[in-house]
Amino acid sequence: MDGLVADFNRHAKVHNLFQPDGELVNDGQDLTHEWWLSMPAFDGARAFYDNVVTLADEYNASRVMFVTGAKRNAGSYSGKVDWVQKFLPERGNRILYEFITCPKYQKWLLAGPRRILIDDNKKVVDRFTEAGGIGILHEGDYAQTLAKLKAALEMLNVQPASDNRLPPSPAPGPN
């Protein structure tokens, strides 16, 4: 999420949260729910997300999930959840079925032979790939990242009704 559709670095710079060595003050542990919720989306982020969903649909791939690293405070988790709901308001609480938080360097635990992770952190992508997944490094260019995703889907030769599909999300309950 951060660095892919949400502009964490710009937000942190505006709030003077980077130390001279480039590290976050207190490793970002003090960032509140409101701070995460107010993080701006990158220009073109919504169109990028919509294009990823369209590609997944075209290739009959598994659903698109948000996988985001969270800091060790509740505000990070709740702020990111609310950010995604604000980013995709038409999805309401249903988007929560497609939202995973975990420590950044544990995303590799979600890797599998037909699973794709798009991330802006090379170490995270490398670990995901080493664990058997397909990692795509996002370097700030949405068109380039979409081309990499399309190539990965073509390489997988994803077929309709294949067994790599996740079961449908449960029917949403009351919002």
N, C-alpha and C. Protein backbone atom coordinates (compact mmCIF):
# COMPACT_ATOMS: atom_id res chain seq x y z
N MET A 1 0.83 -1.17 0.00
CA MET A 1 0.00 0.00 0.00
C MET A 1 0.89 1.25 0.00
N ASP A 2 1.70 1.42 1.08
CA ASP A 2 2.60 2.58 1.15
C ASP A 2 3.66 2.42 0.06
N GLY A 3 3.88 3.46 -0.68
CA GLY A 3 4.88 3.41 -1.74
C GLY A 3 4.33 2.87 -3.05
N LEU A 4 3.12 2.34 -3.04
CA LEU A 4 2.51 1.81 -4.25
C LEU A 4 1.29 2.65 -4.62
N VAL A 5 0.35 2.80 -3.72
CA VAL A 5 -0.80 3.66 -3.97
C VAL A 5 -0.87 4.82 -2.98
N ALA A 6 -0.28 4.67 -1.81
CA ALA A 6 -0.27 5.74 -0.79
C ALA A 6 1.13 6.34 -0.72
N ASP A 7 1.21 7.67 -0.75
CA ASP A 7 2.49 8.36 -0.81
C ASP A 7 3.04 8.63 0.60
N PHE A 8 3.60 7.58 1.18
CA PHE A 8 4.16 7.65 2.53
C PHE A 8 5.29 8.67 2.63
N ASN A 9 6.24 8.62 1.69
CA ASN A 9 7.41 9.50 1.79
C ASN A 9 7.04 10.97 1.74
N ARG A 10 6.16 11.35 0.84
CA ARG A 10 5.74 12.75 0.77
C ARG A 10 5.07 13.18 2.06
N HIS A 11 4.22 12.31 2.58
CA HIS A 11 3.50 12.61 3.82
C HIS A 11 4.49 12.76 4.99
N ALA A 12 5.45 11.85 5.07
CA ALA A 12 6.44 11.90 6.16
C ALA A 12 7.31 13.15 6.04
N LYS A 13 7.68 13.53 4.82
CA LYS A 13 8.50 14.74 4.64
C LYS A 13 7.73 15.99 5.06
N VAL A 14 6.46 16.08 4.69
CA VAL A 14 5.64 17.23 5.06
C VAL A 14 5.57 17.37 6.59
N HIS A 15 5.60 16.24 7.29
CA HIS A 15 5.49 16.24 8.74
C HIS A 15 6.86 16.16 9.43
N ASN A 16 7.94 16.36 8.65
CA ASN A 16 9.32 16.36 9.18
C ASN A 16 9.62 15.11 10.01
N LEU A 17 9.30 13.96 9.47
CA LEU A 17 9.49 12.71 10.21
C LEU A 17 10.76 11.96 9.84
N PHE A 18 11.55 12.49 8.91
CA PHE A 18 12.80 11.82 8.55
C PHE A 18 13.95 12.44 9.31
N GLN A 19 14.80 11.60 9.87
CA GLN A 19 16.02 12.04 10.54
C GLN A 19 17.07 12.34 9.45
N PRO A 20 18.17 12.99 9.80
CA PRO A 20 19.21 13.29 8.80
C PRO A 20 19.74 12.05 8.06
N ASP A 21 19.73 10.88 8.74
CA ASP A 21 20.21 9.66 8.09
C ASP A 21 19.16 9.01 7.19
N GLY A 22 17.97 9.65 7.09
CA GLY A 22 16.91 9.13 6.23
C GLY A 22 15.96 8.17 6.92
N GLU A 23 16.27 7.79 8.14
CA GLU A 23 15.39 6.90 8.90
C GLU A 23 14.25 7.70 9.52
N LEU A 24 13.15 7.00 9.79
CA LEU A 24 12.01 7.65 10.44
C LEU A 24 12.31 7.91 11.91
N VAL A 25 11.81 9.01 12.42
CA VAL A 25 11.89 9.31 13.84
C VAL A 25 11.18 8.18 14.60
N ASN A 26 11.84 7.60 15.57
CA ASN A 26 11.29 6.52 16.39
C ASN A 26 10.73 5.38 15.54
N ASP A 27 11.33 5.14 14.39
CA ASP A 27 10.91 4.08 13.47
C ASP A 27 9.42 4.17 13.11
N GLY A 28 8.84 5.36 13.22
CA GLY A 28 7.44 5.55 12.87
C GLY A 28 6.46 4.99 13.88
N GLN A 29 6.94 4.60 15.06
CA GLN A 29 6.06 3.98 16.05
C GLN A 29 5.05 4.95 16.64
N ASP A 30 5.32 6.25 16.51
CA ASP A 30 4.41 7.25 17.09
C ASP A 30 3.34 7.74 16.12
N LEU A 31 3.32 7.21 14.91
CA LEU A 31 2.36 7.68 13.92
C LEU A 31 0.96 7.24 14.30
N THR A 32 0.05 8.18 14.32
CA THR A 32 -1.30 7.94 14.81
C THR A 32 -2.24 7.46 13.70
N HIS A 33 -3.39 7.00 14.13
CA HIS A 33 -4.46 6.63 13.21
C HIS A 33 -4.72 7.77 12.22
N GLU A 34 -4.86 8.98 12.71
CA GLU A 34 -5.17 10.13 11.87
C GLU A 34 -4.04 10.39 10.87
N TRP A 35 -2.79 10.17 11.28
CA TRP A 35 -1.67 10.38 10.37
C TRP A 35 -1.78 9.42 9.18
N TRP A 36 -2.02 8.16 9.47
CA TRP A 36 -2.13 7.16 8.38
C TRP A 36 -3.34 7.46 7.50
N LEU A 37 -4.45 7.79 8.11
CA LEU A 37 -5.67 8.06 7.36
C LEU A 37 -5.50 9.26 6.42
N SER A 38 -4.71 10.25 6.83
CA SER A 38 -4.55 11.47 6.02
C SER A 38 -3.43 11.36 4.99
N MET A 39 -2.80 10.21 4.87
CA MET A 39 -1.74 10.03 3.88
C MET A 39 -2.32 10.17 2.47
N PRO A 40 -1.68 10.98 1.61
CA PRO A 40 -2.24 11.16 0.26
C PRO A 40 -1.99 9.95 -0.63
N ALA A 41 -2.90 9.77 -1.56
CA ALA A 41 -2.68 8.75 -2.61
C ALA A 41 -1.79 9.38 -3.67
N PHE A 42 -1.02 8.54 -4.34
CA PHE A 42 -0.24 9.00 -5.49
C PHE A 42 -1.18 9.41 -6.62
N ASP A 43 -0.77 10.37 -7.42
CA ASP A 43 -1.51 10.68 -8.64
C ASP A 43 -1.57 9.41 -9.48
N GLY A 44 -2.74 9.07 -9.94
CA GLY A 44 -2.91 7.89 -10.79
C GLY A 44 -3.09 6.59 -10.02
N ALA A 45 -3.09 6.65 -8.68
CA ALA A 45 -3.17 5.42 -7.88
C ALA A 45 -4.48 4.67 -8.10
N ARG A 46 -5.59 5.39 -8.16
CA ARG A 46 -6.86 4.71 -8.34
C ARG A 46 -6.95 4.04 -9.71
N ALA A 47 -6.48 4.74 -10.74
CA ALA A 47 -6.48 4.15 -12.09
C ALA A 47 -5.58 2.91 -12.12
N PHE A 48 -4.44 2.98 -11.42
CA PHE A 48 -3.54 1.83 -11.35
C PHE A 48 -4.26 0.64 -10.69
N TYR A 49 -4.87 0.89 -9.55
CA TYR A 49 -5.59 -0.18 -8.86
C TYR A 49 -6.67 -0.77 -9.77
N ASP A 50 -7.45 0.09 -10.41
CA ASP A 50 -8.50 -0.40 -11.31
C ASP A 50 -7.91 -1.23 -12.45
N ASN A 51 -6.76 -0.83 -12.97
CA ASN A 51 -6.10 -1.59 -14.05
C ASN A 51 -5.60 -2.94 -13.55
N VAL A 52 -5.10 -2.99 -12.32
CA VAL A 52 -4.66 -4.27 -11.75
C VAL A 52 -5.86 -5.21 -11.62
N VAL A 53 -6.98 -4.70 -11.12
CA VAL A 53 -8.18 -5.52 -10.98
C VAL A 53 -8.66 -6.00 -12.35
N THR A 54 -8.63 -5.12 -13.35
CA THR A 54 -9.05 -5.50 -14.70
C THR A 54 -8.16 -6.60 -15.26
N LEU A 55 -6.83 -6.46 -15.08
CA LEU A 55 -5.91 -7.50 -15.55
C LEU A 55 -6.19 -8.83 -14.84
N ALA A 56 -6.38 -8.78 -13.55
CA ALA A 56 -6.68 -10.01 -12.80
C ALA A 56 -7.95 -10.66 -13.33
N ASP A 57 -8.96 -9.86 -13.63
CA ASP A 57 -10.21 -10.38 -14.18
C ASP A 57 -9.99 -10.97 -15.57
N GLU A 58 -9.24 -10.25 -16.42
CA GLU A 58 -8.98 -10.72 -17.79
C GLU A 58 -8.27 -12.07 -17.79
N TYR A 59 -7.37 -12.27 -16.85
CA TYR A 59 -6.60 -13.52 -16.78
C TYR A 59 -7.22 -14.52 -15.83
N ASN A 60 -8.42 -14.18 -15.33
CA ASN A 60 -9.14 -15.08 -14.43
C ASN A 60 -8.26 -15.50 -13.25
N ALA A 61 -7.49 -14.55 -12.74
CA ALA A 61 -6.59 -14.80 -11.62
C ALA A 61 -7.32 -14.60 -10.31
N SER A 62 -6.65 -14.90 -9.23
CA SER A 62 -7.21 -14.70 -7.90
C SER A 62 -7.48 -13.22 -7.68
N ARG A 63 -8.29 -12.94 -6.70
CA ARG A 63 -8.64 -11.54 -6.43
C ARG A 63 -7.43 -10.73 -5.98
N VAL A 64 -7.54 -9.45 -6.13
CA VAL A 64 -6.49 -8.52 -5.76
C VAL A 64 -6.62 -8.21 -4.27
N MET A 65 -5.49 -8.30 -3.57
CA MET A 65 -5.46 -8.07 -2.13
C MET A 65 -4.54 -6.90 -1.81
N PHE A 66 -4.85 -6.15 -0.78
CA PHE A 66 -3.92 -5.18 -0.22
C PHE A 66 -3.12 -5.91 0.86
N VAL A 67 -1.80 -5.91 0.73
CA VAL A 67 -0.92 -6.47 1.75
C VAL A 67 -0.01 -5.34 2.18
N THR A 68 -0.09 -4.95 3.44
CA THR A 68 0.65 -3.79 3.90
C THR A 68 1.37 -4.07 5.21
N GLY A 69 2.57 -3.56 5.30
CA GLY A 69 3.32 -3.66 6.54
C GLY A 69 2.81 -2.61 7.51
N ALA A 70 2.70 -2.99 8.76
CA ALA A 70 2.21 -2.05 9.77
C ALA A 70 3.27 -1.84 10.84
N LYS A 71 3.23 -0.70 11.44
CA LYS A 71 4.11 -0.40 12.58
C LYS A 71 3.53 -1.04 13.83
N ARG A 72 4.32 -1.06 14.88
CA ARG A 72 3.88 -1.71 16.12
C ARG A 72 3.04 -0.76 16.98
N ASN A 73 1.93 -0.32 16.42
CA ASN A 73 0.95 0.42 17.21
C ASN A 73 -0.41 0.29 16.53
N ALA A 74 -1.44 0.33 17.34
CA ALA A 74 -2.79 0.10 16.83
C ALA A 74 -3.21 1.15 15.81
N GLY A 75 -2.71 2.39 15.96
CA GLY A 75 -3.07 3.44 15.02
C GLY A 75 -2.63 3.14 13.60
N SER A 76 -1.51 2.43 13.45
CA SER A 76 -1.05 2.04 12.13
C SER A 76 -2.05 1.10 11.46
N TYR A 77 -2.49 0.11 12.19
CA TYR A 77 -3.44 -0.86 11.64
C TYR A 77 -4.78 -0.20 11.31
N SER A 78 -5.35 0.49 12.29
CA SER A 78 -6.68 1.07 12.07
C SER A 78 -6.64 2.20 11.05
N GLY A 79 -5.55 2.98 11.04
CA GLY A 79 -5.44 4.07 10.08
C GLY A 79 -5.33 3.55 8.65
N LYS A 80 -4.59 2.46 8.46
CA LYS A 80 -4.45 1.89 7.12
C LYS A 80 -5.78 1.29 6.64
N VAL A 81 -6.49 0.62 7.54
CA VAL A 81 -7.80 0.07 7.18
C VAL A 81 -8.72 1.19 6.73
N ASP A 82 -8.78 2.26 7.51
CA ASP A 82 -9.65 3.37 7.15
C ASP A 82 -9.19 4.06 5.88
N TRP A 83 -7.87 4.10 5.65
CA TRP A 83 -7.33 4.70 4.43
C TRP A 83 -7.85 3.93 3.21
N VAL A 84 -7.78 2.61 3.26
CA VAL A 84 -8.24 1.79 2.13
C VAL A 84 -9.73 1.97 1.91
N GLN A 85 -10.49 2.06 2.99
CA GLN A 85 -11.93 2.28 2.83
C GLN A 85 -12.21 3.66 2.22
N LYS A 86 -11.40 4.64 2.54
CA LYS A 86 -11.54 5.97 1.94
C LYS A 86 -11.11 5.94 0.46
N PHE A 87 -10.08 5.15 0.15
CA PHE A 87 -9.57 5.03 -1.21
C PHE A 87 -10.58 4.34 -2.12
N LEU A 88 -11.32 3.39 -1.57
CA LEU A 88 -12.32 2.62 -2.33
C LEU A 88 -13.67 2.70 -1.63
N PRO A 89 -14.27 3.88 -1.54
CA PRO A 89 -15.49 4.04 -0.75
C PRO A 89 -16.65 3.18 -1.22
N GLU A 90 -16.71 2.89 -2.49
CA GLU A 90 -17.82 2.09 -3.01
C GLU A 90 -17.77 0.64 -2.51
N ARG A 91 -16.61 0.21 -2.01
CA ARG A 91 -16.46 -1.17 -1.53
C ARG A 91 -16.94 -1.32 -0.08
N GLY A 92 -17.03 -0.21 0.66
CA GLY A 92 -17.47 -0.28 2.05
C GLY A 92 -16.62 -1.26 2.85
N ASN A 93 -17.27 -1.98 3.76
CA ASN A 93 -16.56 -2.94 4.60
C ASN A 93 -16.13 -4.19 3.84
N ARG A 94 -16.66 -4.41 2.65
CA ARG A 94 -16.27 -5.59 1.87
C ARG A 94 -14.78 -5.60 1.57
N ILE A 95 -14.16 -4.42 1.46
CA ILE A 95 -12.73 -4.36 1.15
C ILE A 95 -11.90 -5.01 2.25
N LEU A 96 -12.45 -5.11 3.45
CA LEU A 96 -11.71 -5.71 4.56
C LEU A 96 -11.41 -7.18 4.33
N TYR A 97 -12.19 -7.84 3.47
CA TYR A 97 -11.90 -9.23 3.11
C TYR A 97 -10.69 -9.33 2.19
N GLU A 98 -10.23 -8.21 1.71
CA GLU A 98 -9.10 -8.19 0.77
C GLU A 98 -7.98 -7.30 1.30
N PHE A 99 -7.80 -7.30 2.62
CA PHE A 99 -6.83 -6.44 3.28
C PHE A 99 -6.06 -7.26 4.31
N ILE A 100 -4.74 -7.29 4.16
CA ILE A 100 -3.88 -8.05 5.07
C ILE A 100 -2.80 -7.12 5.61
N THR A 101 -2.63 -7.10 6.92
CA THR A 101 -1.51 -6.38 7.52
C THR A 101 -0.58 -7.40 8.16
N CYS A 102 0.70 -7.11 8.05
CA CYS A 102 1.72 -7.95 8.66
C CYS A 102 3.00 -7.13 8.73
N PRO A 103 3.98 -7.54 9.51
CA PRO A 103 5.25 -6.83 9.46
C PRO A 103 5.81 -6.87 8.03
N LYS A 104 6.39 -5.78 7.61
CA LYS A 104 6.86 -5.62 6.23
C LYS A 104 7.70 -6.81 5.76
N TYR A 105 8.63 -7.25 6.58
CA TYR A 105 9.53 -8.31 6.15
C TYR A 105 8.97 -9.71 6.36
N GLN A 106 7.68 -9.82 6.65
CA GLN A 106 7.04 -11.14 6.73
C GLN A 106 6.06 -11.38 5.59
N LYS A 107 6.04 -10.50 4.62
CA LYS A 107 5.16 -10.71 3.46
C LYS A 107 5.51 -11.99 2.73
N TRP A 108 6.76 -12.44 2.86
CA TRP A 108 7.19 -13.67 2.20
C TRP A 108 6.36 -14.88 2.66
N LEU A 109 5.78 -14.79 3.86
CA LEU A 109 4.97 -15.90 4.36
C LEU A 109 3.72 -16.14 3.51
N LEU A 110 3.35 -15.16 2.70
CA LEU A 110 2.19 -15.29 1.82
C LEU A 110 2.55 -15.83 0.44
N ALA A 111 3.84 -16.07 0.20
CA ALA A 111 4.30 -16.51 -1.11
C ALA A 111 3.82 -17.92 -1.43
N GLY A 112 3.64 -18.15 -2.70
CA GLY A 112 3.27 -19.47 -3.21
C GLY A 112 3.53 -19.48 -4.70
N PRO A 113 3.52 -20.64 -5.33
CA PRO A 113 3.91 -20.72 -6.73
C PRO A 113 3.06 -19.91 -7.70
N ARG A 114 1.84 -19.58 -7.36
CA ARG A 114 0.98 -18.82 -8.27
C ARG A 114 0.54 -17.51 -7.64
N ARG A 115 1.31 -17.01 -6.69
CA ARG A 115 0.97 -15.77 -6.01
C ARG A 115 1.93 -14.66 -6.43
N ILE A 116 1.37 -13.49 -6.66
CA ILE A 116 2.14 -12.34 -7.13
C ILE A 116 2.05 -11.24 -6.09
N LEU A 117 3.20 -10.65 -5.77
CA LEU A 117 3.26 -9.50 -4.87
C LEU A 117 3.87 -8.33 -5.62
N ILE A 118 3.20 -7.19 -5.60
CA ILE A 118 3.77 -5.94 -6.12
C ILE A 118 4.14 -5.11 -4.91
N ASP A 119 5.40 -4.70 -4.83
CA ASP A 119 5.87 -3.94 -3.67
C ASP A 119 6.94 -2.97 -4.12
N ASP A 120 7.14 -1.90 -3.36
CA ASP A 120 8.15 -0.90 -3.70
C ASP A 120 9.46 -1.13 -2.97
N ASN A 121 9.57 -2.21 -2.20
CA ASN A 121 10.78 -2.50 -1.43
C ASN A 121 11.46 -3.73 -2.02
N LYS A 122 12.69 -3.54 -2.52
CA LYS A 122 13.41 -4.62 -3.19
C LYS A 122 13.64 -5.82 -2.27
N LYS A 123 13.99 -5.57 -1.00
CA LYS A 123 14.22 -6.69 -0.07
C LYS A 123 12.95 -7.50 0.12
N VAL A 124 11.82 -6.84 0.22
CA VAL A 124 10.53 -7.53 0.39
C VAL A 124 10.23 -8.37 -0.85
N VAL A 125 10.44 -7.80 -2.02
CA VAL A 125 10.19 -8.52 -3.29
C VAL A 125 11.13 -9.71 -3.40
N ASP A 126 12.41 -9.51 -3.07
CA ASP A 126 13.38 -10.61 -3.16
C ASP A 126 13.01 -11.76 -2.23
N ARG A 127 12.63 -11.44 -1.00
CA ARG A 127 12.25 -12.49 -0.05
C ARG A 127 11.00 -13.24 -0.52
N PHE A 128 10.05 -12.52 -1.07
CA PHE A 128 8.82 -13.13 -1.58
C PHE A 128 9.17 -14.10 -2.72
N THR A 129 10.04 -13.67 -3.62
CA THR A 129 10.45 -14.51 -4.74
C THR A 129 11.23 -15.74 -4.25
N GLU A 130 12.15 -15.53 -3.31
CA GLU A 130 12.91 -16.66 -2.75
C GLU A 130 12.00 -17.69 -2.08
N ALA A 131 10.88 -17.24 -1.56
CA ALA A 131 9.93 -18.14 -0.88
C ALA A 131 8.99 -18.83 -1.87
N GLY A 132 9.16 -18.58 -3.17
CA GLY A 132 8.38 -19.29 -4.17
C GLY A 132 7.29 -18.50 -4.85
N GLY A 133 7.16 -17.22 -4.52
CA GLY A 133 6.17 -16.38 -5.18
C GLY A 133 6.78 -15.62 -6.35
N ILE A 134 5.97 -14.80 -6.97
CA ILE A 134 6.42 -13.94 -8.06
C ILE A 134 6.40 -12.52 -7.53
N GLY A 135 7.57 -11.93 -7.38
CA GLY A 135 7.68 -10.58 -6.86
C GLY A 135 7.88 -9.57 -7.98
N ILE A 136 7.14 -8.50 -7.93
CA ILE A 136 7.27 -7.41 -8.90
C ILE A 136 7.65 -6.15 -8.14
N LEU A 137 8.80 -5.59 -8.48
CA LEU A 137 9.26 -4.37 -7.84
C LEU A 137 8.65 -3.17 -8.55
N HIS A 138 7.88 -2.38 -7.79
CA HIS A 138 7.31 -1.14 -8.31
C HIS A 138 8.32 -0.03 -8.08
N GLU A 139 8.73 0.63 -9.16
CA GLU A 139 9.75 1.67 -9.06
C GLU A 139 9.19 3.05 -9.38
N GLY A 140 7.88 3.20 -9.21
CA GLY A 140 7.26 4.50 -9.37
C GLY A 140 6.54 4.73 -10.69
N ASP A 141 6.67 3.82 -11.64
CA ASP A 141 6.06 3.95 -12.95
C ASP A 141 4.93 2.92 -13.07
N TYR A 142 3.69 3.40 -13.00
CA TYR A 142 2.56 2.48 -13.04
C TYR A 142 2.48 1.68 -14.35
N ALA A 143 2.77 2.30 -15.47
CA ALA A 143 2.71 1.59 -16.75
C ALA A 143 3.72 0.44 -16.77
N GLN A 144 4.90 0.69 -16.26
CA GLN A 144 5.94 -0.34 -16.21
C GLN A 144 5.51 -1.49 -15.29
N THR A 145 4.94 -1.15 -14.16
CA THR A 145 4.50 -2.17 -13.21
C THR A 145 3.36 -3.00 -13.79
N LEU A 146 2.43 -2.35 -14.48
CA LEU A 146 1.34 -3.09 -15.12
C LEU A 146 1.87 -4.02 -16.20
N ALA A 147 2.88 -3.59 -16.95
CA ALA A 147 3.48 -4.45 -17.97
C ALA A 147 4.14 -5.67 -17.32
N LYS A 148 4.81 -5.47 -16.19
CA LYS A 148 5.42 -6.60 -15.47
C LYS A 148 4.34 -7.56 -14.97
N LEU A 149 3.23 -7.01 -14.48
CA LEU A 149 2.14 -7.85 -14.00
C LEU A 149 1.54 -8.66 -15.14
N LYS A 150 1.32 -8.01 -16.27
CA LYS A 150 0.75 -8.73 -17.42
C LYS A 150 1.69 -9.85 -17.86
N ALA A 151 2.99 -9.59 -17.90
CA ALA A 151 3.96 -10.62 -18.27
C ALA A 151 3.94 -11.78 -17.28
N ALA A 152 3.81 -11.48 -15.99
CA ALA A 152 3.75 -12.53 -14.98
C ALA A 152 2.49 -13.38 -15.16
N LEU A 153 1.37 -12.74 -15.41
CA LEU A 153 0.13 -13.48 -15.62
C LEU A 153 0.21 -14.34 -16.87
N GLU A 154 0.82 -13.81 -17.93
CA GLU A 154 0.98 -14.60 -19.15
C GLU A 154 1.91 -15.78 -18.91
N MET A 155 2.98 -15.55 -18.14
CA MET A 155 3.91 -16.63 -17.84
C MET A 155 3.21 -17.75 -17.06
N LEU A 156 2.31 -17.36 -16.18
CA LEU A 156 1.58 -18.36 -15.41
C LEU A 156 0.55 -19.08 -16.26
N ASN A 157 0.21 -18.47 -17.42
CA ASN A 157 -0.79 -19.05 -18.29
C ASN A 157 -2.06 -19.37 -17.49
N VAL A 158 -2.50 -18.38 -16.74
CA VAL A 158 -3.68 -18.55 -15.89
C VAL A 158 -4.86 -18.91 -16.77
N GLN A 159 -5.54 -19.97 -16.41
CA GLN A 159 -6.67 -20.48 -17.19
C GLN A 159 -7.98 -20.27 -16.42
N PRO A 160 -9.07 -20.09 -17.14
CA PRO A 160 -10.37 -19.98 -16.47
C PRO A 160 -10.66 -21.22 -15.63
N ALA A 161 -11.32 -21.01 -14.50
CA ALA A 161 -11.74 -22.08 -13.59
C ALA A 161 -10.57 -22.90 -13.07
N SER A 162 -9.39 -22.31 -12.99
CA SER A 162 -8.23 -23.05 -12.48
C SER A 162 -8.33 -23.17 -10.96
N ASP A 163 -7.57 -24.08 -10.41
CA ASP A 163 -7.66 -24.33 -8.97
C ASP A 163 -6.87 -23.32 -8.15
N ASN A 164 -6.30 -22.29 -8.79
CA ASN A 164 -5.56 -21.29 -8.03
C ASN A 164 -6.45 -20.18 -7.51
N ARG A 165 -7.73 -20.24 -7.81
CA ARG A 165 -8.63 -19.17 -7.38
C ARG A 165 -8.96 -19.34 -5.90
N LEU A 166 -9.03 -18.23 -5.22
CA LEU A 166 -9.46 -18.23 -3.83
C LEU A 166 -10.97 -18.41 -3.79
N PRO A 167 -11.48 -18.99 -2.72
CA PRO A 167 -12.93 -19.09 -2.62
C PRO A 167 -13.53 -17.68 -2.55
N PRO A 168 -14.78 -17.54 -2.94
CA PRO A 168 -15.39 -16.21 -2.89
C PRO A 168 -15.42 -15.67 -1.47
N SER A 169 -15.37 -14.36 -1.37
CA SER A 169 -15.49 -13.72 -0.06
C SER A 169 -16.83 -14.05 0.55
N PRO A 170 -16.87 -14.18 1.87
CA PRO A 170 -18.17 -14.38 2.50
C PRO A 170 -19.10 -13.22 2.21
N ALA A 171 -20.36 -13.49 2.20
CA ALA A 171 -21.34 -12.41 1.99
C ALA A 171 -21.16 -11.37 3.09
N PRO A 172 -21.13 -10.11 2.70
CA PRO A 172 -20.94 -9.08 3.73
C PRO A 172 -22.12 -9.04 4.70
N GLY A 173 -21.77 -8.83 5.95
CA GLY A 173 -22.80 -8.68 6.97
C GLY A 173 -23.20 -7.22 7.04
N PRO A 174 -23.90 -6.86 8.06
CA PRO A 174 -24.29 -5.46 8.21
C PRO A 174 -23.05 -4.58 8.32
N ASN A 175 -23.06 -3.44 7.68
CA ASN A 175 -21.92 -2.53 7.71
C ASN A 175 -21.83 -1.81 9.00
